[in-house]
């Protein structure tokens, strides 16, 4: 009986470790995608700023407003990632 209990406990521990590893992989991938997205957005914005400066455009305030909107969007994505990571950690504790 004890051997069966030990085997079940080991199986549960293994399943939990696998689940946590999958969650960590997913979290890492999401963070990497977020970084890449943000870098791409910032590069696009920087390129737009440079182009408008070359054109002599005085409309840089609009670009800043767009940047702030994107920053807020990124903040929402980050919050969603944190919330998902927290939920997965809480779920993992329940295994």
PDB file of N, CA and C in Angstrom:
ATOM      1  N   UNK A   1       0.842  -1.195   0.000  1.00  0.00           N
ATOM      2  CA  UNK A   1       0.000   0.000   0.000  1.00  0.00           C
ATOM      3  C   UNK A   1       0.883   1.253   0.000  1.00  0.00           C
ATOM      4  N   UNK A   2       1.898   1.256   0.843  1.00  0.00           N
ATOM      5  CA  UNK A   2       2.794   2.414   0.908  1.00  0.00           C
ATOM      6  C   UNK A   2       3.492   2.641  -0.427  1.00  0.00           C
ATOM      7  N   UNK A   3       3.881   1.543  -1.094  1.00  0.00           N
ATOM      8  CA  UNK A   3       4.528   1.676  -2.404  1.00  0.00           C
ATOM      9  C   UNK A   3       3.584   2.318  -3.412  1.00  0.00           C
ATOM     10  N   UNK A   4       2.316   1.943  -3.354  1.00  0.00           N
ATOM     11  CA  UNK A   4       1.327   2.522  -4.264  1.00  0.00           C
ATOM     12  C   UNK A   4       1.147   4.021  -3.975  1.00  0.00           C
ATOM     13  N   UNK A   5       1.085   4.370  -2.703  1.00  0.00           N
ATOM     14  CA  UNK A   5       0.958   5.775  -2.300  1.00  0.00           C
ATOM     15  C   UNK A   5       2.187   6.557  -2.772  1.00  0.00           C
ATOM     16  N   UNK A   6       3.374   5.984  -2.577  1.00  0.00           N
ATOM     17  CA  UNK A   6       4.604   6.639  -3.013  1.00  0.00           C
ATOM     18  C   UNK A   6       4.620   6.820  -4.530  1.00  0.00           C
ATOM     19  N   UNK A   7       4.160   5.819  -5.264  1.00  0.00           N
ATOM     20  CA  UNK A   7       4.124   5.895  -6.722  1.00  0.00           C
ATOM     21  C   UNK A   7       3.149   6.985  -7.170  1.00  0.00           C
ATOM     22  N   UNK A   8       1.984   7.042  -6.532  1.00  0.00           N
ATOM     23  CA  UNK A   8       0.997   8.065  -6.882  1.00  0.00           C
ATOM     24  C   UNK A   8       1.534   9.468  -6.571  1.00  0.00           C
ATOM     25  N   UNK A   9       2.193   9.597  -5.438  1.00  0.00           N
ATOM     26  CA  UNK A   9       2.782  10.884  -5.063  1.00  0.00           C
ATOM     27  C   UNK A   9       3.852  11.288  -6.069  1.00  0.00           C
ATOM     28  N   UNK A  10       4.667  10.340  -6.478  1.00  0.00           N
ATOM     29  CA  UNK A  10       5.710  10.620  -7.464  1.00  0.00           C
ATOM     30  C   UNK A  10       5.090  11.024  -8.794  1.00  0.00           C
ATOM     31  N   UNK A  11       4.010  10.318  -9.191  1.00  0.00           N
ATOM     32  CA  UNK A  11       3.323  10.661 -10.444  1.00  0.00           C
ATOM     33  C   UNK A  11       2.751  12.074 -10.373  1.00  0.00           C
ATOM     34  N   UNK A  12       2.171  12.413  -9.235  1.00  0.00           N
ATOM     35  CA  UNK A  12       1.602  13.751  -9.069  1.00  0.00           C
ATOM     36  C   UNK A  12       2.699  14.817  -9.103  1.00  0.00           C
ATOM     37  N   UNK A  13       3.811  14.526  -8.456  1.00  0.00           N
ATOM     38  CA  UNK A  13       4.929  15.471  -8.453  1.00  0.00           C
ATOM     39  C   UNK A  13       5.473  15.662  -9.865  1.00  0.00           C
ATOM     40  N   UNK A  14       5.573  14.560 -10.598  1.00  0.00           N
ATOM     41  CA  UNK A  14       6.064  14.640 -11.971  1.00  0.00           C
ATOM     42  C   UNK A  14       5.094  15.443 -12.836  1.00  0.00           C
ATOM     43  N   UNK A  15       3.806  15.179 -12.694  1.00  0.00           N
ATOM     44  CA  UNK A  15       2.802  15.907 -13.477  1.00  0.00           C
ATOM     45  C   UNK A  15       2.848  17.399 -13.149  1.00  0.00           C
ATOM     46  N   UNK A  16       2.995  17.712 -11.871  1.00  0.00           N
ATOM     47  CA  UNK A  16       3.067  19.119 -11.465  1.00  0.00           C
ATOM     48  C   UNK A  16       4.313  19.782 -12.044  1.00  0.00           C
ATOM     49  N   UNK A  17       5.444  19.085 -11.979  1.00  0.00           N
ATOM     50  CA  UNK A  17       6.685  19.636 -12.517  1.00  0.00           C
ATOM     51  C   UNK A  17       6.569  19.858 -14.024  1.00  0.00           C
ATOM     52  N   UNK A  18       5.949  18.919 -14.732  1.00  0.00           N
ATOM     53  CA  UNK A  18       5.758  19.066 -16.170  1.00  0.00           C
ATOM     54  C   UNK A  18       4.839  20.252 -16.467  1.00  0.00           C
ATOM     55  N   UNK A  19       3.774  20.366 -15.687  1.00  0.00           N
ATOM     56  CA  UNK A  19       2.838  21.475 -15.873  1.00  0.00           C
ATOM     57  C   UNK A  19       3.541  22.804 -15.637  1.00  0.00           C
ATOM     58  N   UNK A  20       4.299  22.889 -14.554  1.00  0.00           N
ATOM     59  CA  UNK A  20       5.009  24.126 -14.244  1.00  0.00           C
ATOM     60  C   UNK A  20       6.039  24.450 -15.331  1.00  0.00           C
ATOM     61  N   UNK A  21       6.697  23.429 -15.851  1.00  0.00           N
ATOM     62  CA  UNK A  21       7.668  23.653 -16.926  1.00  0.00           C
ATOM     63  C   UNK A  21       6.968  24.182 -18.170  1.00  0.00           C
ATOM     64  N   UNK A  22       5.809  23.625 -18.485  1.00  0.00           N
ATOM     65  CA  UNK A  22       5.045  24.108 -19.641  1.00  0.00           C
ATOM     66  C   UNK A  22       4.595  25.553 -19.427  1.00  0.00           C
ATOM     67  N   UNK A  23       4.153  25.875 -18.224  1.00  0.00           N
ATOM     68  CA  UNK A  23       3.712  27.241 -17.930  1.00  0.00           C
ATOM     69  C   UNK A  23       4.886  28.210 -18.029  1.00  0.00           C
ATOM     70  N   UNK A  24       6.039  27.807 -17.533  1.00  0.00           N
ATOM     71  CA  UNK A  24       7.223  28.669 -17.595  1.00  0.00           C
ATOM     72  C   UNK A  24       7.650  28.879 -19.047  1.00  0.00           C
ATOM     73  N   UNK A  25       7.585  27.829 -19.833  1.00  0.00           N
ATOM     74  CA  UNK A  25       7.917  27.945 -21.252  1.00  0.00           C
ATOM     75  C   UNK A  25       6.951  28.900 -21.948  1.00  0.00           C
ATOM     76  N   UNK A  26       5.673  28.748 -21.663  1.00  0.00           N
ATOM     77  CA  UNK A  26       4.670  29.624 -22.266  1.00  0.00           C
ATOM     78  C   UNK A  26       4.873  31.071 -21.820  1.00  0.00           C
ATOM     79  N   UNK A  27       5.170  31.262 -20.546  1.00  0.00           N
ATOM     80  CA  UNK A  27       5.398  32.612 -20.025  1.00  0.00           C
ATOM     81  C   UNK A  27       6.635  33.234 -20.679  1.00  0.00           C
ATOM     82  N   UNK A  28       7.696  32.451 -20.776  1.00  0.00           N
ATOM     83  CA  UNK A  28       8.925  32.955 -21.400  1.00  0.00           C
ATOM     84  C   UNK A  28       8.681  33.323 -22.859  1.00  0.00           C
ATOM     85  N   UNK A  29       7.940  32.469 -23.557  1.00  0.00           N
ATOM     86  CA  UNK A  29       7.635  32.743 -24.957  1.00  0.00           C
ATOM     87  C   UNK A  29       6.798  34.015 -25.083  1.00  0.00           C
ATOM     88  N   UNK A  30       5.819  34.178 -24.209  1.00  0.00           N
ATOM     89  CA  UNK A  30       4.973  35.374 -24.251  1.00  0.00           C
ATOM     90  C   UNK A  30       5.799  36.629 -23.976  1.00  0.00           C
ATOM     91  N   UNK A  31       6.714  36.550 -23.025  1.00  0.00           N
ATOM     92  CA  UNK A  31       7.573  37.704 -22.731  1.00  0.00           C
ATOM     93  C   UNK A  31       8.475  38.028 -23.919  1.00  0.00           C
ATOM     94  N   UNK A  32       9.016  36.993 -24.552  1.00  0.00           N
ATOM     95  CA  UNK A  32       9.876  37.209 -25.710  1.00  0.00           C
ATOM     96  C   UNK A  32       9.082  37.847 -26.843  1.00  0.00           C
ATOM     97  N   UNK A  33       7.874  37.335 -27.092  1.00  0.00           N
ATOM     98  CA  UNK A  33       7.038  37.914 -28.139  1.00  0.00           C
ATOM     99  C   UNK A  33       6.693  39.366 -27.819  1.00  0.00           C
ATOM    100  N   UNK A  34       6.424  39.635 -26.556  1.00  0.00           N
ATOM    101  CA  UNK A  34       6.119  41.005 -26.141  1.00  0.00           C
ATOM    102  C   UNK A  34       7.321  41.917 -26.375  1.00  0.00           C
ATOM    103  N   UNK A  35       8.513  41.451 -25.997  1.00  0.00           N
ATOM    104  CA  UNK A  35       9.723  42.244 -26.224  1.00  0.00           C
ATOM    105  C   UNK A  35       9.921  42.520 -27.717  1.00  0.00           C
ATOM    106  N   UNK A  36       9.765  41.467 -28.523  1.00  0.00           N
ATOM    107  CA  UNK A  36       9.954  41.629 -29.960  1.00  0.00           C
ATOM    108  C   UNK A  36       8.912  42.580 -30.539  1.00  0.00           C
ATOM    109  N   UNK A  37       7.676  42.439 -30.094  1.00  0.00           N
ATOM    110  CA  UNK A  37       6.614  43.334 -30.563  1.00  0.00           C
ATOM    111  C   UNK A  37       6.937  44.771 -30.185  1.00  0.00           C
ATOM    112  N   UNK A  38       7.313  44.955 -28.929  1.00  0.00           N
ATOM    113  CA  UNK A  38       7.608  46.312 -28.450  1.00  0.00           C
ATOM    114  C   UNK A  38       8.783  46.917 -29.201  1.00  0.00           C
ATOM    115  N   UNK A  39       9.835  46.131 -29.397  1.00  0.00           N
ATOM    116  CA  UNK A  39      10.983  46.634 -30.144  1.00  0.00           C
ATOM    117  C   UNK A  39      10.572  47.014 -31.563  1.00  0.00           C
ATOM    118  N   UNK A  40       9.761  46.180 -32.184  1.00  0.00           N
ATOM    119  CA  UNK A  40       9.283  46.481 -33.533  1.00  0.00           C
ATOM    120  C   UNK A  40       8.463  47.751 -33.567  1.00  0.00           C
ATOM    121  N   UNK A  41       7.570  47.905 -32.583  1.00  0.00           N
ATOM    122  CA  UNK A  41       6.751  49.110 -32.521  1.00  0.00           C
ATOM    123  C   UNK A  41       7.613  50.348 -32.307  1.00  0.00           C
ATOM    124  N   UNK A  42       8.558  50.255 -31.393  1.00  0.00           N
ATOM    125  CA  UNK A  42       9.427  51.407 -31.134  1.00  0.00           C
ATOM    126  C   UNK A  42      10.289  51.733 -32.348  1.00  0.00           C
ATOM    127  N   UNK A  43      10.759  50.699 -33.028  1.00  0.00           N
ATOM    128  CA  UNK A  43      11.543  50.941 -34.243  1.00  0.00           C
ATOM    129  C   UNK A  43      10.687  51.621 -35.313  1.00  0.00           C
ATOM    130  N   UNK A  44       9.454  51.148 -35.452  1.00  0.00           N
ATOM    131  CA  UNK A  44       8.542  51.768 -36.422  1.00  0.00           C
ATOM    132  C   UNK A  44       8.287  53.232 -36.070  1.00  0.00           C
ATOM    133  N   UNK A  45       8.047  53.490 -34.798  1.00  0.00           N
ATOM    134  CA  UNK A  45       7.789  54.862 -34.360  1.00  0.00           C
ATOM    135  C   UNK A  45       9.023  55.726 -34.576  1.00  0.00           C
ATOM    136  N   UNK A  46      10.192  55.190 -34.224  1.00  0.00           N
ATOM    137  CA  UNK A  46      11.430  55.953 -34.431  1.00  0.00           C
ATOM    138  C   UNK A  46      11.661  56.245 -35.910  1.00  0.00           C
ATOM    139  N   UNK A  47      11.372  55.284 -36.764  1.00  0.00           N
ATOM    140  CA  UNK A  47      11.523  55.495 -38.205  1.00  0.00           C
ATOM    141  C   UNK A  47      10.550  56.567 -38.685  1.00  0.00           C
ATOM    142  N   UNK A  48       9.337  56.528 -38.160  1.00  0.00           N
ATOM    143  CA  UNK A  48       8.343  57.537 -38.527  1.00  0.00           C
ATOM    144  C   UNK A  48       8.777  58.927 -38.064  1.00  0.00           C
ATOM    145  N   UNK A  49       9.301  59.011 -36.862  1.00  0.00           N
ATOM    146  CA  UNK A  49       9.789  60.305 -36.354  1.00  0.00           C
ATOM    147  C   UNK A  49      10.892  60.833 -37.260  1.00  0.00           C
ATOM    148  N   UNK A  50      11.823  59.980 -37.618  1.00  0.00           N
ATOM    149  CA  UNK A  50      12.925  60.412 -38.476  1.00  0.00           C
ATOM    150  C   UNK A  50      12.407  60.869 -39.839  1.00  0.00           C
ATOM    151  N   UNK A  51      11.463  60.143 -40.393  1.00  0.00           N
ATOM    152  CA  UNK A  51      10.906  60.512 -41.698  1.00  0.00           C
ATOM    153  C   UNK A  51      10.191  61.853 -41.616  1.00  0.00           C
ATOM    154  N   UNK A  52       9.435  62.046 -40.565  1.00  0.00           N
ATOM    155  CA  UNK A  52       8.717  63.328 -40.438  1.00  0.00           C
ATOM    156  C   UNK A  52       9.683  64.485 -40.210  1.00  0.00           C
ATOM    157  N   UNK A  53      10.744  64.226 -39.495  1.00  0.00           N
ATOM    158  CA  UNK A  53      11.737  65.301 -39.300  1.00  0.00           C
ATOM    159  C   UNK A  53      12.360  65.669 -40.635  1.00  0.00           C
ATOM    160  N   UNK A  54      12.684  64.642 -41.431  1.00  0.00           N
ATOM    161  CA  UNK A  54      13.272  64.909 -42.744  1.00  0.00           C
ATOM    162  C   UNK A  54      12.293  65.693 -43.622  1.00  0.00           C
ATOM    163  N   UNK A  55      11.051  65.401 -43.476  1.00  0.00           N
ATOM    164  CA  UNK A  55      10.029  66.096 -44.268  1.00  0.00           C
ATOM    165  C   UNK A  55       9.721  67.482 -43.698  1.00  0.00           C
ATOM    166  N   UNK A  56      10.241  67.769 -42.536  1.00  0.00           N
ATOM    167  CA  UNK A  56      10.003  69.065 -41.923  1.00  0.00           C
ATOM    168  C   UNK A  56       8.637  69.145 -41.260  1.00  0.00           C
ATOM    169  N   UNK A  57       8.081  68.004 -40.926  1.00  0.00           N
ATOM    170  CA  UNK A  57       6.755  67.994 -40.330  1.00  0.00           C
ATOM    171  C   UNK A  57       6.803  68.484 -38.892  1.00  0.00           C
ATOM    172  N   UNK A  58       5.828  69.295 -38.550  1.00  0.00           N
ATOM    173  CA  UNK A  58       5.719  69.800 -37.181  1.00  0.00           C
ATOM    174  C   UNK A  58       4.709  68.983 -36.383  1.00  0.00           C
ATOM    175  N   UNK A  59       4.300  67.848 -36.912  1.00  0.00           N
ATOM    176  CA  UNK A  59       3.219  67.082 -36.306  1.00  0.00           C
ATOM    177  C   UNK A  59       3.747  65.964 -35.409  1.00  0.00           C
ATOM    178  N   UNK A  60       4.819  66.204 -34.682  1.00  0.00           N
ATOM    179  CA  UNK A  60       5.398  65.167 -33.830  1.00  0.00           C
ATOM    180  C   UNK A  60       4.520  64.865 -32.606  1.00  0.00           C
ATOM    181  N   UNK A  61       3.658  65.784 -32.248  1.00  0.00           N
ATOM    182  CA  UNK A  61       2.778  65.545 -31.103  1.00  0.00           C
ATOM    183  C   UNK A  61       1.868  64.350 -31.359  1.00  0.00           C
ATOM    184  N   UNK A  62       1.422  64.178 -32.601  1.00  0.00           N
ATOM    185  CA  UNK A  62       0.580  63.036 -32.932  1.00  0.00           C
ATOM    186  C   UNK A  62       1.328  61.716 -32.779  1.00  0.00           C
ATOM    187  N   UNK A  63       2.598  61.739 -33.149  1.00  0.00           N
ATOM    188  CA  UNK A  63       3.408  60.532 -33.005  1.00  0.00           C
ATOM    189  C   UNK A  63       3.550  60.179 -31.521  1.00  0.00           C
ATOM    190  N   UNK A  64       3.786  61.175 -30.702  1.00  0.00           N
ATOM    191  CA  UNK A  64       3.894  60.932 -29.263  1.00  0.00           C
ATOM    192  C   UNK A  64       2.595  60.353 -28.723  1.00  0.00           C
ATOM    193  N   UNK A  65       1.467  60.879 -29.175  1.00  0.00           N
ATOM    194  CA  UNK A  65       0.170  60.359 -28.725  1.00  0.00           C
ATOM    195  C   UNK A  65       0.012  58.902 -29.146  1.00  0.00           C
ATOM    196  N   UNK A  66       0.427  58.568 -30.364  1.00  0.00           N
ATOM    197  CA  UNK A  66       0.364  57.185 -30.837  1.00  0.00           C
ATOM    198  C   UNK A  66       1.266  56.291 -29.975  1.00  0.00           C
ATOM    199  N   UNK A  67       2.432  56.802 -29.662  1.00  0.00           N
ATOM    200  CA  UNK A  67       3.369  56.066 -28.819  1.00  0.00           C
ATOM    201  C   UNK A  67       2.759  55.788 -27.454  1.00  0.00           C
ATOM    202  N   UNK A  68       2.114  56.784 -26.873  1.00  0.00           N
ATOM    203  CA  UNK A  68       1.500  56.607 -25.561  1.00  0.00           C
ATOM    204  C   UNK A  68       0.368  55.587 -25.616  1.00  0.00           C
ATOM    205  N   UNK A  69      -0.391  55.598 -26.695  1.00  0.00           N
ATOM    206  CA  UNK A  69      -1.454  54.601 -26.864  1.00  0.00           C
ATOM    207  C   UNK A  69      -0.832  53.204 -26.928  1.00  0.00           C
ATOM    208  N   UNK A  70       0.251  53.056 -27.676  1.00  0.00           N
ATOM    209  CA  UNK A  70       0.914  51.760 -27.781  1.00  0.00           C
ATOM    210  C   UNK A  70       1.508  51.340 -26.434  1.00  0.00           C
ATOM    211  N   UNK A  71       2.062  52.290 -25.709  1.00  0.00           N
ATOM    212  CA  UNK A  71       2.607  51.971 -24.388  1.00  0.00           C
ATOM    213  C   UNK A  71       1.500  51.472 -23.460  1.00  0.00           C
ATOM    214  N   UNK A  72       0.334  52.076 -23.508  1.00  0.00           N
ATOM    215  CA  UNK A  72      -0.785  51.636 -22.685  1.00  0.00           C
ATOM    216  C   UNK A  72      -1.233  50.241 -23.112  1.00  0.00           C
ATOM    217  N   UNK A  73      -1.264  50.004 -24.403  1.00  0.00           N
ATOM    218  CA  UNK A  73      -1.627  48.677 -24.912  1.00  0.00           C
ATOM    219  C   UNK A  73      -0.625  47.631 -24.410  1.00  0.00           C
ATOM    220  N   UNK A  74       0.652  47.965 -24.459  1.00  0.00           N
ATOM    221  CA  UNK A  74       1.682  47.048 -23.971  1.00  0.00           C
ATOM    222  C   UNK A  74       1.539  46.810 -22.469  1.00  0.00           C
ATOM    223  N   UNK A  75       1.189  47.844 -21.735  1.00  0.00           N
ATOM    224  CA  UNK A  75       0.985  47.687 -20.291  1.00  0.00           C
ATOM    225  C   UNK A  75      -0.163  46.721 -20.030  1.00  0.00           C
ATOM    226  N   UNK A  76      -1.222  46.804 -20.823  1.00  0.00           N
ATOM    227  CA  UNK A  76      -2.352  45.880 -20.675  1.00  0.00           C
ATOM    228  C   UNK A  76      -1.928  44.455 -20.983  1.00  0.00           C
ATOM    229  N   UNK A  77      -1.108  44.277 -22.019  1.00  0.00           N
ATOM    230  CA  UNK A  77      -0.607  42.943 -22.367  1.00  0.00           C
ATOM    231  C   UNK A  77       0.244  42.398 -21.230  1.00  0.00           C
ATOM    232  N   UNK A  78       1.108  43.238 -20.670  1.00  0.00           N
ATOM    233  CA  UNK A  78       1.953  42.804 -19.554  1.00  0.00           C
ATOM    234  C   UNK A  78       1.106  42.387 -18.357  1.00  0.00           C
ATOM    235  N   UNK A  79       0.070  43.181 -18.064  1.00  0.00           N
ATOM    236  CA  UNK A  79      -0.815  42.821 -16.955  1.00  0.00           C
ATOM    237  C   UNK A  79      -1.489  41.476 -17.215  1.00  0.00           C
ATOM    238  N   UNK A  80      -1.912  41.256 -18.445  1.00  0.00           N
ATOM    239  CA  UNK A  80      -2.560  39.992 -18.798  1.00  0.00           C
ATOM    240  C   UNK A  80      -1.592  38.822 -18.634  1.00  0.00           C
ATOM    241  N   UNK A  81      -0.343  39.025 -19.014  1.00  0.00           N
ATOM    242  CA  UNK A  81       0.665  37.971 -18.858  1.00  0.00           C
ATOM    243  C   UNK A  81       0.895  37.679 -17.379  1.00  0.00           C
ATOM    244  N   UNK A  82       1.026  38.746 -16.575  1.00  0.00           N
ATOM    245  CA  UNK A  82       1.214  38.545 -15.133  1.00  0.00           C
ATOM    246  C   UNK A  82       0.023  37.824 -14.516  1.00  0.00           C
ATOM    247  N   UNK A  83      -1.181  38.222 -14.908  1.00  0.00           N
ATOM    248  CA  UNK A  83      -2.389  37.587 -14.375  1.00  0.00           C
ATOM    249  C   UNK A  83      -2.445  36.118 -14.774  1.00  0.00           C
ATOM    250  N   UNK A  84      -2.069  35.816 -16.017  1.00  0.00           N
ATOM    251  CA  UNK A  84      -2.069  34.430 -16.477  1.00  0.00           C
ATOM    252  C   UNK A  84      -1.019  33.607 -15.736  1.00  0.00           C
ATOM    253  N   UNK A  85       0.141  34.203 -15.529  1.00  0.00           N
ATOM    254  CA  UNK A  85       1.194  33.491 -14.796  1.00  0.00           C
ATOM    255  C   UNK A  85       0.760  33.225 -13.354  1.00  0.00           C
ATOM    256  N   UNK A  86       0.123  34.209 -12.749  1.00  0.00           N
ATOM    257  CA  UNK A  86      -0.358  34.046 -11.378  1.00  0.00           C
ATOM    258  C   UNK A  86      -1.421  32.959 -11.318  1.00  0.00           C
ATOM    259  N   UNK A  87      -2.337  32.981 -12.284  1.00  0.00           N
ATOM    260  CA  UNK A  87      -3.401  31.971 -12.312  1.00  0.00           C
ATOM    261  C   UNK A  87      -2.829  30.583 -12.535  1.00  0.00           C
ATOM    262  N   UNK A  88      -1.842  30.474 -13.399  1.00  0.00           N
ATOM    263  CA  UNK A  88      -1.254  29.160 -13.651  1.00  0.00           C
ATOM    264  C   UNK A  88      -0.485  28.665 -12.428  1.00  0.00           C
ATOM    265  N   UNK A  89       0.165  29.585 -11.735  1.00  0.00           N
ATOM    266  CA  UNK A  89       0.876  29.187 -10.516  1.00  0.00           C
ATOM    267  C   UNK A  89      -0.110  28.728  -9.451  1.00  0.00           C
ATOM    268  N   UNK A  90      -1.218  29.432  -9.345  1.00  0.00           N
ATOM    269  CA  UNK A  90      -2.236  29.028  -8.377  1.00  0.00           C
ATOM    270  C   UNK A  90      -2.844  27.680  -8.760  1.00  0.00           C
ATOM    271  N   UNK A  91      -3.043  27.482 -10.060  1.00  0.00           N
ATOM    272  CA  UNK A  91      -3.580  26.201 -10.522  1.00  0.00           C
ATOM    273  C   UNK A  91      -2.585  25.077 -10.273  1.00  0.00           C
ATOM    274  N   UNK A  92      -1.317  25.388 -10.460  1.00  0.00           N
ATOM    275  CA  UNK A  92      -0.279  24.376 -10.251  1.00  0.00           C
ATOM    276  C   UNK A  92      -0.206  23.973  -8.782  1.00  0.00           C
ATOM    277  N   UNK A  93      -0.452  24.908  -7.898  1.00  0.00           N
ATOM    278  CA  UNK A  93      -0.424  24.590  -6.472  1.00  0.00           C
ATOM    279  C   UNK A  93      -1.553  23.641  -6.114  1.00  0.00           C
ATOM    280  N   UNK A  94      -2.600  23.676  -6.900  1.00  0.00           N
ATOM    281  CA  UNK A  94      -3.745  22.817  -6.636  1.00  0.00           C
ATOM    282  C   UNK A  94      -3.558  21.395  -7.135  1.00  0.00           C
ATOM    283  N   UNK A  95      -2.535  21.145  -7.956  1.00  0.00           N
ATOM    284  CA  UNK A  95      -2.309  19.779  -8.475  1.00  0.00           C
ATOM    285  C   UNK A  95      -1.875  18.836  -7.375  1.00  0.00           C
TER     286      UNK A  95
END
